[in-house]
């Protein structure tokens, strides 16, 4: 998976990875609602997101 962005769940610390901001927001909110019955605000997801891991095919940071 070509991971561009990631964020840790504020409740359990689980890693949520996505290729773009919209997907990261959607997956983060799905996770927190399903696992913790908590709706994490979009602003919190955007403030906590960081660049993803190194793409092994490219050998550089994915951005």
Protein backbone atom coordinates (compact mmCIF):
# COMPACT_ATOMS: atom_id res chain seq x y z
CA UNK A 1 0.00 0.00 0.00
CA UNK A 2 1.34 3.39 -0.97
CA UNK A 3 0.80 5.20 2.34
CA UNK A 4 0.85 8.97 2.10
CA UNK A 5 -0.53 9.95 5.50
CA UNK A 6 -1.04 8.42 8.89
CA UNK A 7 -2.51 9.28 12.27
CA UNK A 8 -2.70 7.52 15.63
CA UNK A 9 -6.09 6.93 17.22
CA UNK A 10 -6.46 9.31 20.18
CA UNK A 11 -8.21 6.61 22.22
CA UNK A 12 -6.12 3.46 21.68
CA UNK A 13 -3.04 4.58 19.75
CA UNK A 14 -3.85 2.38 16.75
CA UNK A 15 -2.25 3.48 13.48
CA UNK A 16 -4.60 4.59 10.69
CA UNK A 17 -3.03 4.93 7.24
CA UNK A 18 -4.39 6.45 4.04
CA UNK A 19 -3.29 7.78 0.68
CA UNK A 20 -4.98 11.20 1.01
CA UNK A 21 -6.60 13.54 3.54
CA UNK A 22 -10.21 12.64 2.72
CA UNK A 23 -9.54 8.93 3.11
CA UNK A 24 -7.61 9.52 6.35
CA UNK A 25 -10.49 11.51 7.82
CA UNK A 26 -13.05 8.90 6.76
CA UNK A 27 -11.06 5.94 8.10
CA UNK A 28 -10.23 7.74 11.35
CA UNK A 29 -13.84 8.60 12.00
CA UNK A 30 -15.03 5.09 11.10
CA UNK A 31 -12.50 3.59 13.50
CA UNK A 32 -13.24 5.87 16.46
CA UNK A 33 -17.02 5.55 16.06
CA UNK A 34 -16.90 1.77 15.67
CA UNK A 35 -14.27 0.97 18.28
CA UNK A 36 -14.81 3.73 20.85
CA UNK A 37 -18.26 5.24 20.19
CA UNK A 38 -16.54 8.59 19.74
CA UNK A 39 -16.70 10.92 16.74
CA UNK A 40 -13.26 12.46 16.29
CA UNK A 41 -13.61 15.94 14.72
CA UNK A 42 -12.11 16.48 11.27
CA UNK A 43 -9.91 19.27 12.63
CA UNK A 44 -8.34 16.86 15.13
CA UNK A 45 -7.51 14.33 12.41
CA UNK A 46 -5.92 17.02 10.23
CA UNK A 47 -3.91 18.44 13.15
CA UNK A 48 -2.56 15.00 14.09
CA UNK A 49 -1.74 13.62 10.62
CA UNK A 50 1.86 12.99 9.64
CA UNK A 51 3.59 11.79 6.44
CA UNK A 52 3.47 8.03 6.00
CA UNK A 53 6.25 5.46 5.85
CA UNK A 54 8.92 5.18 3.21
CA UNK A 55 7.68 3.66 -0.04
CA UNK A 56 9.92 0.64 -0.68
CA UNK A 57 9.55 1.02 -4.47
CA UNK A 58 10.61 4.65 -4.46
CA UNK A 59 13.15 4.63 -1.62
CA UNK A 60 12.00 8.02 -0.37
CA UNK A 61 9.32 9.49 1.87
CA UNK A 62 5.83 9.39 0.40
CA UNK A 63 4.20 12.82 0.42
